[in-house]
């Protein structure tokens, strides 16, 4: 049961990051989505891929370390 919860939590974090990243990429405010989700930057960096982190402005496109 704990594994399922962890997978669901990670999936939620990744989904919010994707949505917020797309909002930011197309000129909308992503900060409210992230603030209301309660997801920390540490969680984003731990569970999200470089594409989403780049869209959120947390890394540059040429940064290789996650």
PDB file of N, CA and C in Angstrom:
ATOM      1  N   UNK A   1       0.823  -1.201   0.000  1.00  0.00           N
ATOM      2  CA  UNK A   1       0.000   0.000   0.000  1.00  0.00           C
ATOM      3  C   UNK A   1       0.865   1.262   0.000  1.00  0.00           C
ATOM      4  N   UNK A   2       1.975   1.240   0.747  1.00  0.00           N
ATOM      5  CA  UNK A   2       2.842   2.414   0.796  1.00  0.00           C
ATOM      6  C   UNK A   2       3.462   2.689  -0.567  1.00  0.00           C
ATOM      7  N   UNK A   3       3.823   1.641  -1.294  1.00  0.00           N
ATOM      8  CA  UNK A   3       4.400   1.804  -2.637  1.00  0.00           C
ATOM      9  C   UNK A   3       3.402   2.485  -3.558  1.00  0.00           C
ATOM     10  N   UNK A   4       2.127   2.073  -3.479  1.00  0.00           N
ATOM     11  CA  UNK A   4       1.081   2.688  -4.305  1.00  0.00           C
ATOM     12  C   UNK A   4       0.941   4.167  -3.977  1.00  0.00           C
ATOM     13  N   UNK A   5       0.970   4.499  -2.715  1.00  0.00           N
ATOM     14  CA  UNK A   5       0.857   5.900  -2.311  1.00  0.00           C
ATOM     15  C   UNK A   5       2.048   6.691  -2.830  1.00  0.00           C
ATOM     16  N   UNK A   6       3.226   6.131  -2.727  1.00  0.00           N
ATOM     17  CA  UNK A   6       4.404   6.813  -3.229  1.00  0.00           C
ATOM     18  C   UNK A   6       4.304   7.044  -4.730  1.00  0.00           C
ATOM     19  N   UNK A   7       3.864   6.034  -5.464  1.00  0.00           N
ATOM     20  CA  UNK A   7       3.706   6.176  -6.910  1.00  0.00           C
ATOM     21  C   UNK A   7       2.667   7.240  -7.250  1.00  0.00           C
ATOM     22  N   UNK A   8       1.593   7.281  -6.499  1.00  0.00           N
ATOM     23  CA  UNK A   8       0.554   8.284  -6.752  1.00  0.00           C
ATOM     24  C   UNK A   8       1.068   9.684  -6.429  1.00  0.00           C
ATOM     25  N   UNK A   9       1.823   9.820  -5.364  1.00  0.00           N
ATOM     26  CA  UNK A   9       2.383  11.114  -4.993  1.00  0.00           C
ATOM     27  C   UNK A   9       3.365  11.603  -6.053  1.00  0.00           C
ATOM     28  N   UNK A  10       4.232  10.718  -6.506  1.00  0.00           N
ATOM     29  CA  UNK A  10       5.188  11.074  -7.551  1.00  0.00           C
ATOM     30  C   UNK A  10       4.440  11.447  -8.833  1.00  0.00           C
ATOM     31  N   UNK A  11       3.424  10.689  -9.184  1.00  0.00           N
ATOM     32  CA  UNK A  11       2.619  10.998 -10.362  1.00  0.00           C
ATOM     33  C   UNK A  11       1.950  12.354 -10.257  1.00  0.00           C
ATOM     34  N   UNK A  12       1.463  12.688  -9.068  1.00  0.00           N
ATOM     35  CA  UNK A  12       0.843  13.995  -8.845  1.00  0.00           C
ATOM     36  C   UNK A  12       1.868  15.105  -9.035  1.00  0.00           C
ATOM     37  N   UNK A  13       3.033  14.951  -8.439  1.00  0.00           N
ATOM     38  CA  UNK A  13       4.089  15.957  -8.556  1.00  0.00           C
ATOM     39  C   UNK A  13       4.473  16.156 -10.019  1.00  0.00           C
ATOM     40  N   UNK A  14       4.643  15.058 -10.737  1.00  0.00           N
ATOM     41  CA  UNK A  14       5.017  15.149 -12.146  1.00  0.00           C
ATOM     42  C   UNK A  14       3.915  15.804 -12.976  1.00  0.00           C
ATOM     43  N   UNK A  15       2.677  15.486 -12.678  1.00  0.00           N
ATOM     44  CA  UNK A  15       1.554  16.088 -13.405  1.00  0.00           C
ATOM     45  C   UNK A  15       1.438  17.581 -13.169  1.00  0.00           C
ATOM     46  N   UNK A  16       1.595  17.997 -11.936  1.00  0.00           N
ATOM     47  CA  UNK A  16       1.542  19.425 -11.614  1.00  0.00           C
ATOM     48  C   UNK A  16       2.706  20.154 -12.268  1.00  0.00           C
ATOM     49  N   UNK A  17       3.883  19.551 -12.229  1.00  0.00           N
ATOM     50  CA  UNK A  17       5.049  20.177 -12.857  1.00  0.00           C
ATOM     51  C   UNK A  17       4.838  20.334 -14.355  1.00  0.00           C
ATOM     52  N   UNK A  18       4.283  19.331 -14.991  1.00  0.00           N
ATOM     53  CA  UNK A  18       4.030  19.395 -16.427  1.00  0.00           C
ATOM     54  C   UNK A  18       3.042  20.518 -16.751  1.00  0.00           C
ATOM     55  N   UNK A  19       1.949  20.573 -15.998  1.00  0.00           N
ATOM     56  CA  UNK A  19       0.931  21.599 -16.231  1.00  0.00           C
ATOM     57  C   UNK A  19       1.484  23.004 -15.976  1.00  0.00           C
ATOM     58  N   UNK A  20       2.196  23.161 -14.874  1.00  0.00           N
ATOM     59  CA  UNK A  20       2.760  24.473 -14.548  1.00  0.00           C
ATOM     60  C   UNK A  20       3.823  24.873 -15.573  1.00  0.00           C
ATOM     61  N   UNK A  21       4.595  23.900 -16.015  1.00  0.00           N
ATOM     62  CA  UNK A  21       5.619  24.181 -17.017  1.00  0.00           C
ATOM     63  C   UNK A  21       5.022  24.644 -18.331  1.00  0.00           C
ATOM     64  N   UNK A  22       3.940  24.005 -18.754  1.00  0.00           N
ATOM     65  CA  UNK A  22       3.277  24.429 -19.983  1.00  0.00           C
ATOM     66  C   UNK A  22       2.691  25.827 -19.840  1.00  0.00           C
ATOM     67  N   UNK A  23       2.107  26.103 -18.695  1.00  0.00           N
ATOM     68  CA  UNK A  23       1.571  27.450 -18.459  1.00  0.00           C
ATOM     69  C   UNK A  23       2.677  28.485 -18.576  1.00  0.00           C
ATOM     70  N   UNK A  24       3.787  28.233 -17.928  1.00  0.00           N
ATOM     71  CA  UNK A  24       4.908  29.176 -17.968  1.00  0.00           C
ATOM     72  C   UNK A  24       5.461  29.299 -19.382  1.00  0.00           C
ATOM     73  N   UNK A  25       5.573  28.186 -20.068  1.00  0.00           N
ATOM     74  CA  UNK A  25       6.135  28.178 -21.431  1.00  0.00           C
ATOM     75  C   UNK A  25       5.313  29.034 -22.391  1.00  0.00           C
ATOM     76  N   UNK A  26       3.999  29.045 -22.191  1.00  0.00           N
ATOM     77  CA  UNK A  26       3.127  29.798 -23.081  1.00  0.00           C
ATOM     78  C   UNK A  26       2.706  31.144 -22.516  1.00  0.00           C
ATOM     79  N   UNK A  27       3.454  31.631 -21.512  1.00  0.00           N
ATOM     80  CA  UNK A  27       3.287  32.988 -21.039  1.00  0.00           C
ATOM     81  C   UNK A  27       2.286  33.192 -19.920  1.00  0.00           C
ATOM     82  N   UNK A  28       1.775  32.127 -19.337  1.00  0.00           N
ATOM     83  CA  UNK A  28       0.848  32.271 -18.211  1.00  0.00           C
ATOM     84  C   UNK A  28       1.606  32.136 -16.893  1.00  0.00           C
ATOM     85  N   UNK A  29       0.944  32.504 -15.825  1.00  0.00           N
ATOM     86  CA  UNK A  29       1.557  32.447 -14.499  1.00  0.00           C
ATOM     87  C   UNK A  29       1.461  31.034 -13.935  1.00  0.00           C
ATOM     88  N   UNK A  30       2.601  30.411 -13.729  1.00  0.00           N
ATOM     89  CA  UNK A  30       2.629  29.055 -13.181  1.00  0.00           C
ATOM     90  C   UNK A  30       2.803  29.049 -11.669  1.00  0.00           C
ATOM     91  N   UNK A  31       3.148  30.180 -11.103  1.00  0.00           N
ATOM     92  CA  UNK A  31       3.450  30.239  -9.675  1.00  0.00           C
ATOM     93  C   UNK A  31       2.253  29.863  -8.801  1.00  0.00           C
ATOM     94  N   UNK A  32       1.063  30.250  -9.202  1.00  0.00           N
ATOM     95  CA  UNK A  32      -0.121  29.940  -8.404  1.00  0.00           C
ATOM     96  C   UNK A  32      -0.366  28.436  -8.361  1.00  0.00           C
ATOM     97  N   UNK A  33      -0.183  27.764  -9.491  1.00  0.00           N
ATOM     98  CA  UNK A  33      -0.361  26.314  -9.525  1.00  0.00           C
ATOM     99  C   UNK A  33       0.601  25.650  -8.552  1.00  0.00           C
ATOM    100  N   UNK A  34       1.862  26.052  -8.611  1.00  0.00           N
ATOM    101  CA  UNK A  34       2.856  25.453  -7.730  1.00  0.00           C
ATOM    102  C   UNK A  34       2.594  25.801  -6.260  1.00  0.00           C
ATOM    103  N   UNK A  35       2.217  27.032  -5.995  1.00  0.00           N
ATOM    104  CA  UNK A  35       1.965  27.449  -4.614  1.00  0.00           C
ATOM    105  C   UNK A  35       0.789  26.685  -4.010  1.00  0.00           C
ATOM    106  N   UNK A  36      -0.279  26.540  -4.774  1.00  0.00           N
ATOM    107  CA  UNK A  36      -1.460  25.857  -4.257  1.00  0.00           C
ATOM    108  C   UNK A  36      -1.266  24.345  -4.134  1.00  0.00           C
ATOM    109  N   UNK A  37      -0.338  23.793  -4.900  1.00  0.00           N
ATOM    110  CA  UNK A  37      -0.107  22.349  -4.832  1.00  0.00           C
ATOM    111  C   UNK A  37       0.658  21.956  -3.575  1.00  0.00           C
ATOM    112  N   UNK A  38       1.447  22.876  -3.032  1.00  0.00           N
ATOM    113  CA  UNK A  38       2.253  22.564  -1.858  1.00  0.00           C
ATOM    114  C   UNK A  38       3.519  21.788  -2.179  1.00  0.00           C
ATOM    115  N   UNK A  39       3.841  21.675  -3.459  1.00  0.00           N
ATOM    116  CA  UNK A  39       5.033  20.944  -3.879  1.00  0.00           C
ATOM    117  C   UNK A  39       6.243  21.853  -3.715  1.00  0.00           C
ATOM    118  N   UNK A  40       7.288  21.301  -3.114  1.00  0.00           N
ATOM    119  CA  UNK A  40       8.505  22.078  -2.905  1.00  0.00           C
ATOM    120  C   UNK A  40       9.423  21.979  -4.123  1.00  0.00           C
ATOM    121  N   UNK A  41      10.353  22.915  -4.223  1.00  0.00           N
ATOM    122  CA  UNK A  41      11.329  22.863  -5.307  1.00  0.00           C
ATOM    123  C   UNK A  41      12.178  21.596  -5.202  1.00  0.00           C
ATOM    124  N   UNK A  42      12.462  21.185  -3.991  1.00  0.00           N
ATOM    125  CA  UNK A  42      13.234  19.954  -3.777  1.00  0.00           C
ATOM    126  C   UNK A  42      12.497  18.743  -4.368  1.00  0.00           C
ATOM    127  N   UNK A  43      11.191  18.661  -4.144  1.00  0.00           N
ATOM    128  CA  UNK A  43      10.400  17.562  -4.714  1.00  0.00           C
ATOM    129  C   UNK A  43      10.389  17.632  -6.235  1.00  0.00           C
ATOM    130  N   UNK A  44      10.266  18.835  -6.789  1.00  0.00           N
ATOM    131  CA  UNK A  44      10.289  18.987  -8.236  1.00  0.00           C
ATOM    132  C   UNK A  44      11.610  18.476  -8.808  1.00  0.00           C
ATOM    133  N   UNK A  45      12.700  18.890  -8.190  1.00  0.00           N
ATOM    134  CA  UNK A  45      14.021  18.477  -8.681  1.00  0.00           C
ATOM    135  C   UNK A  45      14.239  16.964  -8.520  1.00  0.00           C
ATOM    136  N   UNK A  46      13.646  16.377  -7.505  1.00  0.00           N
ATOM    137  CA  UNK A  46      13.835  14.948  -7.252  1.00  0.00           C
ATOM    138  C   UNK A  46      13.033  14.073  -8.221  1.00  0.00           C
ATOM    139  N   UNK A  47      11.802  14.470  -8.533  1.00  0.00           N
ATOM    140  CA  UNK A  47      10.895  13.581  -9.252  1.00  0.00           C
ATOM    141  C   UNK A  47      10.611  13.966 -10.702  1.00  0.00           C
ATOM    142  N   UNK A  48      11.016  15.143 -11.132  1.00  0.00           N
ATOM    143  CA  UNK A  48      10.656  15.593 -12.482  1.00  0.00           C
ATOM    144  C   UNK A  48      11.845  15.502 -13.426  1.00  0.00           C
ATOM    145  N   UNK A  49      11.531  15.323 -14.687  1.00  0.00           N
ATOM    146  CA  UNK A  49      12.605  15.229 -15.678  1.00  0.00           C
ATOM    147  C   UNK A  49      13.059  16.618 -16.111  1.00  0.00           C
ATOM    148  N   UNK A  50      14.158  16.639 -16.859  1.00  0.00           N
ATOM    149  CA  UNK A  50      14.763  17.910 -17.264  1.00  0.00           C
ATOM    150  C   UNK A  50      13.826  18.772 -18.107  1.00  0.00           C
ATOM    151  N   UNK A  51      13.003  18.145 -18.939  1.00  0.00           N
ATOM    152  CA  UNK A  51      12.064  18.894 -19.775  1.00  0.00           C
ATOM    153  C   UNK A  51      11.155  19.767 -18.909  1.00  0.00           C
ATOM    154  N   UNK A  52      10.560  19.163 -17.877  1.00  0.00           N
ATOM    155  CA  UNK A  52       9.665  19.920 -17.002  1.00  0.00           C
ATOM    156  C   UNK A  52      10.424  20.956 -16.185  1.00  0.00           C
ATOM    157  N   UNK A  53      11.606  20.594 -15.698  1.00  0.00           N
ATOM    158  CA  UNK A  53      12.406  21.553 -14.925  1.00  0.00           C
ATOM    159  C   UNK A  53      12.815  22.745 -15.778  1.00  0.00           C
ATOM    160  N   UNK A  54      13.133  22.486 -17.043  1.00  0.00           N
ATOM    161  CA  UNK A  54      13.479  23.578 -17.949  1.00  0.00           C
ATOM    162  C   UNK A  54      12.272  24.478 -18.200  1.00  0.00           C
ATOM    163  N   UNK A  55      11.108  23.886 -18.428  1.00  0.00           N
ATOM    164  CA  UNK A  55       9.890  24.679 -18.636  1.00  0.00           C
ATOM    165  C   UNK A  55       9.544  25.521 -17.417  1.00  0.00           C
ATOM    166  N   UNK A  56       9.878  25.025 -16.239  1.00  0.00           N
ATOM    167  CA  UNK A  56       9.604  25.767 -15.010  1.00  0.00           C
ATOM    168  C   UNK A  56      10.676  26.815 -14.715  1.00  0.00           C
ATOM    169  N   UNK A  57      11.751  26.794 -15.491  1.00  0.00           N
ATOM    170  CA  UNK A  57      12.822  27.754 -15.280  1.00  0.00           C
ATOM    171  C   UNK A  57      13.756  27.378 -14.148  1.00  0.00           C
ATOM    172  N   UNK A  58      13.731  26.107 -13.740  1.00  0.00           N
ATOM    173  CA  UNK A  58      14.596  25.671 -12.646  1.00  0.00           C
ATOM    174  C   UNK A  58      15.974  25.240 -13.132  1.00  0.00           C
ATOM    175  N   UNK A  59      16.096  24.930 -14.410  1.00  0.00           N
ATOM    176  CA  UNK A  59      17.389  24.635 -15.018  1.00  0.00           C
ATOM    177  C   UNK A  59      17.447  25.278 -16.388  1.00  0.00           C
ATOM    178  N   UNK A  60      18.640  25.451 -16.896  1.00  0.00           N
ATOM    179  CA  UNK A  60      18.840  25.928 -18.253  1.00  0.00           C
ATOM    180  C   UNK A  60      18.827  24.725 -19.190  1.00  0.00           C
ATOM    181  N   UNK A  61      18.559  24.946 -20.436  1.00  0.00           N
ATOM    182  CA  UNK A  61      18.508  23.872 -21.421  1.00  0.00           C
ATOM    183  C   UNK A  61      19.807  23.128 -21.577  1.00  0.00           C
ATOM    184  N   UNK A  62      20.937  23.775 -21.269  1.00  0.00           N
ATOM    185  CA  UNK A  62      22.222  23.125 -21.433  1.00  0.00           C
ATOM    186  C   UNK A  62      22.741  22.487 -20.150  1.00  0.00           C
ATOM    187  N   UNK A  63      21.973  22.561 -19.078  1.00  0.00           N
ATOM    188  CA  UNK A  63      22.358  21.957 -17.809  1.00  0.00           C
ATOM    189  C   UNK A  63      22.137  20.463 -17.879  1.00  0.00           C
ATOM    190  N   UNK A  64      23.112  19.682 -17.481  1.00  0.00           N
ATOM    191  CA  UNK A  64      22.999  18.228 -17.620  1.00  0.00           C
ATOM    192  C   UNK A  64      22.713  17.537 -16.300  1.00  0.00           C
ATOM    193  N   UNK A  65      23.097  18.138 -15.202  1.00  0.00           N
ATOM    194  CA  UNK A  65      22.855  17.477 -13.930  1.00  0.00           C
ATOM    195  C   UNK A  65      21.489  17.863 -13.405  1.00  0.00           C
ATOM    196  N   UNK A  66      20.732  16.876 -12.949  1.00  0.00           N
ATOM    197  CA  UNK A  66      19.370  17.093 -12.467  1.00  0.00           C
ATOM    198  C   UNK A  66      19.417  17.295 -11.003  1.00  0.00           C
TER     199      UNK A  66
END
